[in-house]
C-alpha atoms as a PDB file:
ATOM      1  CA  MET A   1     118.365 100.137 110.791  1.00  0.00           C
ATOM      2  CA  GLU A   2     116.697  96.849 111.703  1.00  0.00           C
ATOM      3  CA  ILE A   3     115.996  94.482 108.823  1.00  0.00           C
ATOM      4  CA  ASN A   4     113.578  91.565 109.212  1.00  0.00           C
ATOM      5  CA  ASN A   5     112.550  88.499 107.239  1.00  0.00           C
ATOM      6  CA  GLN A   6     109.207  89.973 106.212  1.00  0.00           C
ATOM      7  CA  GLN A   7     110.934  92.907 104.503  1.00  0.00           C
ATOM      8  CA  ILE A   8     113.190  90.605 102.484  1.00  0.00           C
ATOM      9  CA  GLU A   9     110.290  88.253 101.695  1.00  0.00           C
ATOM     10  CA  GLY A  10     108.296  91.224 100.408  1.00  0.00           C
ATOM     11  CA  ILE A  11     111.188  92.267  98.181  1.00  0.00           C
ATOM     12  CA  ILE A  12     111.482  88.690  96.844  1.00  0.00           C
ATOM     13  CA  ASP A  13     107.753  88.543  96.078  1.00  0.00           C
ATOM     14  CA  GLU A  14     107.751  91.950  94.414  1.00  0.00           C
ATOM     15  CA  PHE A  15     110.888  91.108  92.438  1.00  0.00           C
ATOM     16  CA  LEU A  16     109.375  87.871  91.120  1.00  0.00           C
ATOM     17  CA  TYR A  17     106.078  89.606  90.359  1.00  0.00           C
ATOM     18  CA  ASP A  18     107.958  92.228  88.328  1.00  0.00           C
ATOM     19  CA  ASN A  19     109.888  89.494  86.459  1.00  0.00           C
ATOM     20  CA  PRO A  20     107.074  87.191  85.309  1.00  0.00           C
ATOM     21  CA  ASN A  21     109.197  85.328  82.746  1.00  0.00           C
ATOM     22  CA  SER A  22     110.924  83.484  85.571  1.00  0.00           C
ATOM     23  CA  TYR A  23     107.932  82.966  87.800  1.00  0.00           C
ATOM     24  CA  SER A  24     104.579  81.395  86.958  1.00  0.00           C
ATOM     25  CA  THR A  25     101.380  81.587  88.971  1.00  0.00           C
ATOM     26  CA  GLU A  26     101.775  77.894  89.812  1.00  0.00           C
ATOM     27  CA  GLU A  27     104.853  78.748  91.859  1.00  0.00           C
ATOM     28  CA  HIS A  28     103.095  80.986  94.370  1.00  0.00           C
ATOM     29  CA  GLU A  29     103.041  78.052  96.786  1.00  0.00           C
ATOM     30  CA  LEU A  30     106.834  77.797  96.891  1.00  0.00           C
ATOM     31  CA  ASP A  31     108.757  78.616 100.034  1.00  0.00           C
ATOM     32  CA  TYR A  32     111.310  81.423 100.013  1.00  0.00           C
ATOM     33  CA  THR A  33     114.296  79.110  99.615  1.00  0.00           C
ATOM     34  CA  ASP A  34     112.740  77.848  96.366  1.00  0.00           C
ATOM     35  CA  LYS A  35     111.936  81.393  95.280  1.00  0.00           C
ATOM     36  CA  LEU A  36     115.568  82.397  95.865  1.00  0.00           C
ATOM     37  CA  GLN A  37     116.667  79.454  93.712  1.00  0.00           C
ATOM     38  CA  ILE A  38     114.409  80.715  90.912  1.00  0.00           C
ATOM     39  CA  ILE A  39     116.092  84.114  91.148  1.00  0.00           C
ATOM     40  CA  LEU A  40     119.526  82.495  91.211  1.00  0.00           C
ATOM     41  CA  SER A  41     118.765  80.350  88.160  1.00  0.00           C
ATOM     42  CA  GLU A  42     119.547  83.277  85.839  1.00  0.00           C
ATOM     43  CA  SER A  43     122.696  85.279  86.544  1.00  0.00           C
ATOM     44  CA  ILE A  44     121.300  88.569  85.187  1.00  0.00           C
ATOM     45  CA  GLN A  45     118.221  88.118  87.337  1.00  0.00           C
ATOM     46  CA  ALA A  46     120.361  87.336  90.386  1.00  0.00           C
ATOM     47  CA  LEU A  47     122.404  90.511  89.888  1.00  0.00           C
ATOM     48  CA  SER A  48     119.227  92.513  89.398  1.00  0.00           C
ATOM     49  CA  PHE A  49     117.880  91.119  92.687  1.00  0.00           C
ATOM     50  CA  VAL A  50     121.084  92.103  94.504  1.00  0.00           C
ATOM     51  CA  THR A  51     120.764  95.608  93.042  1.00  0.00           C
ATOM     52  CA  THR A  52     117.161  95.740  94.261  1.00  0.00           C
ATOM     53  CA  ILE A  53     118.289  94.853  97.798  1.00  0.00           C
ATOM     54  CA  GLU A  54     121.087  97.441  97.661  1.00  0.00           C
ATOM     55  CA  GLU A  55     118.714 100.173  96.478  1.00  0.00           C
ATOM     56  CA  GLU A  56     116.052  99.279  99.029  1.00  0.00           C
ATOM     57  CA  PHE A  57     118.455  99.618 101.956  1.00  0.00           C
ATOM     58  CA  ASP A  58     120.777 102.243 100.425  1.00  0.00           C
ATOM     59  CA  PHE A  59     124.099 100.411 100.561  1.00  0.00           C
ATOM     60  CA  GLU A  60     126.417  98.491  98.245  1.00  0.00           C
ATOM     61  CA  LEU A  61     127.677  94.952  98.690  1.00  0.00           C
ATOM     62  CA  ASP A  62     131.255  94.131  97.771  1.00  0.00           C
ATOM     63  CA  ASP A  63     131.648  91.585  94.983  1.00  0.00           C
ATOM     64  CA  ASP A  64     133.038  88.995  97.395  1.00  0.00           C
ATOM     65  CA  GLU A  65     129.877  89.283  99.517  1.00  0.00           C
ATOM     66  CA  ILE A  66     127.717  88.074  96.633  1.00  0.00           C
ATOM     67  CA  ASP A  67     128.067  84.311  96.474  1.00  0.00           C
ATOM     68  CA  LEU A  68     125.829  81.257  96.303  1.00  0.00           C
ATOM     69  CA  GLU A  69     125.390  81.311 100.065  1.00  0.00           C
ATOM     70  CA  PHE A  70     123.849  84.789  99.810  1.00  0.00           C
ATOM     71  CA  PHE A  71     120.895  83.175  98.028  1.00  0.00           C
ATOM     72  CA  SER A  72     120.596  80.216 100.412  1.00  0.00           C
ATOM     73  CA  SER A  73     117.874  81.679 102.658  1.00  0.00           C
ATOM     74  CA  VAL A  74     116.033  84.802 103.710  1.00  0.00           C
ATOM     75  CA  ASP A  75     117.894  84.650 107.030  1.00  0.00           C
ATOM     76  CA  THR A  76     121.234  84.777 105.227  1.00  0.00           C
ATOM     77  CA  ILE A  77     120.180  87.859 103.276  1.00  0.00           C
ATOM     78  CA  VAL A  78     118.876  89.560 106.422  1.00  0.00           C
ATOM     79  CA  ASN A  79     122.112  88.809 108.287  1.00  0.00           C
ATOM     80  CA  ARG A  80     124.341  90.037 105.475  1.00  0.00           C
ATOM     81  CA  VAL A  81     122.355  93.248 105.045  1.00  0.00           C
ATOM     82  CA  GLN A  82     122.300  93.920 108.798  1.00  0.00           C
ATOM     83  CA  ASN A  83     126.036  93.207 109.123  1.00  0.00           C
ATOM     84  CA  HIS A  84     126.831  95.477 106.217  1.00  0.00           C
ATOM     85  CA  LEU A  85     124.663  98.304 107.550  1.00  0.00           C
ATOM     86  CA  ALA A  86     126.208  97.933 111.027  1.00  0.00           C
ATOM     87  CA  VAL A  87     129.692  98.367 109.564  1.00  0.00           C
ATOM     88  CA  GLU A  88     128.608 101.405 107.528  1.00  0.00           C
ATOM     89  CA  GLY A  89     126.532 102.886 110.343  1.00  0.00           C
END
């Protein structure tokens, strides 16, 4: 399964839209690195985002795969998901 940046960006946007307490309309101009930092700012929200990614692509990350670097960029998320799916596939 090929994963691309647009898919992850869509998940980020949908996740933030569904969690309005952490995301105001003024922040729609933020880039995706900033949006990931908003998600990371609350640990429960960060775990919920990881669960969203896992459910979307039907796999499970190991605890040691979920670190601060995971939230550093869309590219990092895409690479980790693709690597994980390649190992499972």
